């Protein structure tokens, strides 16, 4: 090693995930109408997608398989979501969107199991994200908007937890001690 400090890409990836998830979850929870989704898409392309993917690639460079899979995976989720809404959504039926969300729930479930051996804050993020995906999937599959709204509220909790962990990692590093427990 040449003595240079290796950066921690996780706060960038967590922040991209949290901000974009918060924006979409406000729409899913019914706080804002669907006409506001273009702002979500802009965040999905730039921060939720690209910044997370970059964080994932950096995680691969430091040998963190979990960080690589999670950040690149959810970065790709945001890119695919934005591409779908912007270019490909016309004529796609709700139940097929439900399957998209259900499969992301499956992906999230196995990552959640991996978090059992990680920090508690990370485990809490995934503990909220798993039912978020499954509620959104159930809402889309069944046409029950109430399930999607509940998924939106869980998405807000998920985003808040991800913002906390991102902040904790940056603040704890800056202070050189644990200011915010993780």
Protein backbone atom coordinates (compact mmCIF):
# COMPACT_ATOMS: atom_id res chain seq x y z
CA UNK A 1 0.00 0.00 0.00
CA UNK A 2 1.34 3.45 -0.82
CA UNK A 3 -0.08 5.08 2.33
CA UNK A 4 -3.05 6.71 0.60
CA UNK A 5 -6.34 6.44 2.40
CA UNK A 6 -8.99 4.42 0.56
CA UNK A 7 -12.26 6.30 0.26
CA UNK A 8 -15.49 4.84 1.54
CA UNK A 9 -17.97 4.90 -1.36
CA UNK A 10 -20.90 3.72 0.77
CA UNK A 11 -22.13 7.18 1.86
CA UNK A 12 -22.39 8.26 -1.78
CA UNK A 13 -24.29 5.12 -2.75
CA UNK A 14 -26.54 5.30 0.32
CA UNK A 15 -27.28 8.97 -0.33
CA UNK A 16 -28.19 8.32 -3.97
CA UNK A 17 -30.43 5.47 -2.88
CA UNK A 18 -32.02 7.48 -0.04
CA UNK A 19 -32.73 10.66 -1.98
CA UNK A 20 -34.24 8.91 -4.99
CA UNK A 21 -36.21 6.48 -2.83
CA UNK A 22 -37.57 9.39 -0.77
CA UNK A 23 -38.75 11.24 -3.89
CA UNK A 24 -40.51 8.22 -5.41
CA UNK A 25 -41.97 7.20 -2.06
CA UNK A 26 -43.60 10.63 -1.66
CA UNK A 27 -45.45 9.92 -4.91
CA UNK A 28 -46.26 6.33 -3.90
CA UNK A 29 -47.56 7.51 -0.50
CA UNK A 30 -49.86 9.97 -2.27
CA UNK A 31 -48.15 13.15 -1.06
CA UNK A 32 -47.58 14.26 -4.66
CA UNK A 33 -49.31 13.29 -7.91
CA UNK A 34 -47.82 11.29 -10.75
CA UNK A 35 -47.15 14.46 -12.74
CA UNK A 36 -44.19 15.05 -10.39
CA UNK A 37 -42.50 11.76 -11.39
CA UNK A 38 -40.17 13.49 -13.92
CA UNK A 39 -38.24 14.94 -10.97
CA UNK A 40 -37.89 11.41 -9.62
CA UNK A 41 -36.63 10.26 -13.02
CA UNK A 42 -33.98 12.97 -13.12
CA UNK A 43 -32.76 11.88 -9.69
CA UNK A 44 -33.00 8.22 -10.77
CA UNK A 45 -30.73 8.78 -13.76
CA UNK A 46 -28.19 11.03 -12.06
CA UNK A 47 -28.02 10.14 -8.38
CA UNK A 48 -29.97 6.97 -7.71
CA UNK A 49 -28.61 5.25 -10.81
CA UNK A 50 -25.25 6.68 -11.74
CA UNK A 51 -23.85 7.65 -8.32
CA UNK A 52 -24.89 4.31 -6.83
CA UNK A 53 -23.36 2.39 -9.71
CA UNK A 54 -20.09 4.31 -9.35
CA UNK A 55 -20.11 3.57 -5.60
CA UNK A 56 -20.64 -0.10 -6.39
CA UNK A 57 -17.70 -0.20 -8.79
CA UNK A 58 -15.50 1.38 -6.13
CA UNK A 59 -16.76 -1.19 -3.61
CA UNK A 60 -15.62 -3.92 -6.02
CA UNK A 61 -12.16 -2.35 -6.05
CA UNK A 62 -11.87 -2.66 -2.28
CA UNK A 63 -13.19 -6.23 -2.27
CA UNK A 64 -16.66 -5.59 -0.82
CA UNK A 65 -18.94 -8.00 -2.68
CA UNK A 66 -22.03 -6.91 -0.77
CA UNK A 67 -21.46 -3.22 -1.55
CA UNK A 68 -20.70 -4.03 -5.18
CA UNK A 69 -23.86 -6.11 -5.68
CA UNK A 70 -26.13 -3.77 -3.70
CA UNK A 71 -24.99 -0.45 -5.17
CA UNK A 72 -24.62 -1.67 -8.75
CA UNK A 73 -27.88 -3.59 -8.45
CA UNK A 74 -29.94 -0.69 -7.11
CA UNK A 75 -28.15 1.71 -9.44
CA UNK A 76 -29.38 -0.51 -12.28
CA UNK A 77 -32.84 -0.58 -10.67
CA UNK A 78 -33.05 3.23 -10.85
CA UNK A 79 -31.78 3.32 -14.42
CA UNK A 80 -34.30 0.65 -15.48
CA UNK A 81 -37.12 2.40 -13.62
CA UNK A 82 -36.35 5.75 -15.26
CA UNK A 83 -35.92 4.20 -18.71
CA UNK A 84 -39.17 2.28 -18.31
CA UNK A 85 -41.21 5.31 -17.25
CA UNK A 86 -39.63 7.65 -19.82
CA UNK A 87 -39.51 5.38 -22.86
CA UNK A 88 -41.15 1.99 -22.47
CA UNK A 89 -44.19 2.16 -20.16
CA UNK A 90 -46.87 2.63 -22.81
CA UNK A 91 -49.14 -0.39 -22.87
CA UNK A 92 -47.40 -2.32 -20.07
CA UNK A 93 -50.02 -3.69 -17.70
CA UNK A 94 -49.93 -3.18 -13.93
CA UNK A 95 -49.51 -6.87 -13.09
CA UNK A 96 -46.32 -7.05 -15.18
CA UNK A 97 -44.98 -4.02 -13.29
CA UNK A 98 -45.90 -5.98 -10.17
CA UNK A 99 -43.68 -8.85 -11.32
CA UNK A 100 -40.81 -6.39 -11.85
CA UNK A 101 -41.23 -5.17 -8.26
CA UNK A 102 -41.69 -8.69 -6.91
CA UNK A 103 -38.41 -9.83 -8.44
CA UNK A 104 -36.65 -6.80 -6.95
CA UNK A 105 -38.16 -7.93 -3.65
CA UNK A 106 -36.53 -11.34 -4.13
CA UNK A 107 -33.17 -9.68 -4.89
CA UNK A 108 -33.58 -7.49 -1.81
CA UNK A 109 -34.46 -10.48 0.37
CA UNK A 110 -31.19 -12.27 -0.23
CA UNK A 111 -29.26 -9.07 0.34
CA UNK A 112 -31.25 -8.60 3.57
CA UNK A 113 -30.14 -12.06 4.73
CA UNK A 114 -26.53 -11.02 4.09
CA UNK A 115 -27.04 -7.92 6.28
CA UNK A 116 -27.58 -10.15 9.30
CA UNK A 117 -23.77 -10.37 9.41
CA UNK A 118 -23.33 -6.60 8.85
CA UNK A 119 -24.07 -3.55 11.00
CA UNK A 120 -27.48 -3.01 12.57
CA UNK A 121 -28.18 0.22 10.67
CA UNK A 122 -27.66 -1.54 7.33
CA UNK A 123 -29.84 -4.44 8.47
CA UNK A 124 -32.62 -1.99 9.41
CA UNK A 125 -32.52 -0.41 5.94
CA UNK A 126 -33.06 -3.78 4.32
CA UNK A 127 -35.62 -4.82 6.95
CA UNK A 128 -37.72 -1.86 5.75
CA UNK A 129 -36.88 -2.27 2.05
CA UNK A 130 -37.97 -5.91 1.74
CA UNK A 131 -41.64 -5.26 2.66
CA UNK A 132 -41.55 -2.01 0.67
CA UNK A 133 -40.90 -3.93 -2.55
CA UNK A 134 -43.40 -6.66 -1.70
CA UNK A 135 -46.15 -4.16 -0.83
CA UNK A 136 -45.54 -2.18 -4.02
CA UNK A 137 -45.55 -5.45 -5.98
CA UNK A 138 -48.79 -6.60 -4.32
CA UNK A 139 -50.38 -3.23 -5.08
CA UNK A 140 -49.42 -3.42 -8.74
CA UNK A 141 -50.38 -7.09 -9.08
CA UNK A 142 -53.77 -6.67 -7.43
CA UNK A 143 -54.61 -3.11 -8.43
CA UNK A 144 -55.03 -2.27 -4.73
CA UNK A 145 -53.70 1.28 -4.42
CA UNK A 146 -53.82 1.07 -0.61
CA UNK A 147 -50.99 -1.47 -0.68
CA UNK A 148 -48.94 0.84 -2.91
CA UNK A 149 -49.56 3.76 -0.54
CA UNK A 150 -48.42 1.63 2.41
CA UNK A 151 -45.36 0.67 0.36
CA UNK A 152 -44.74 4.37 -0.20
CA UNK A 153 -44.73 5.02 3.52
CA UNK A 154 -42.34 2.12 4.12
CA UNK A 155 -40.18 3.53 1.33
CA UNK A 156 -39.99 6.81 3.25
CA UNK A 157 -38.82 4.91 6.33
CA UNK A 158 -36.28 3.03 4.21
CA UNK A 159 -34.95 6.29 2.77
CA UNK A 160 -34.71 7.90 6.20
CA UNK A 161 -32.71 4.92 7.49
CA UNK A 162 -30.38 5.06 4.46
CA UNK A 163 -29.87 8.81 4.95
CA UNK A 164 -29.00 8.11 8.60
CA UNK A 165 -26.37 5.49 7.74
CA UNK A 166 -24.86 7.71 5.03
CA UNK A 167 -24.67 10.62 7.47
CA UNK A 168 -23.25 8.41 10.22
CA UNK A 169 -20.46 7.12 7.98
CA UNK A 170 -19.44 10.63 6.86
CA UNK A 171 -19.80 12.23 10.31
CA UNK A 172 -18.07 9.38 12.17
CA UNK A 173 -15.14 9.49 9.76
CA UNK A 174 -14.86 13.28 10.03
CA UNK A 175 -14.87 13.16 13.83
CA UNK A 176 -12.66 10.11 14.04
CA UNK A 177 -15.05 8.41 16.46
CA UNK A 178 -18.58 7.07 16.64
CA UNK A 179 -20.85 10.12 16.87
CA UNK A 180 -23.85 8.34 15.30
CA UNK A 181 -24.01 4.62 16.14
CA UNK A 182 -24.37 2.18 13.29
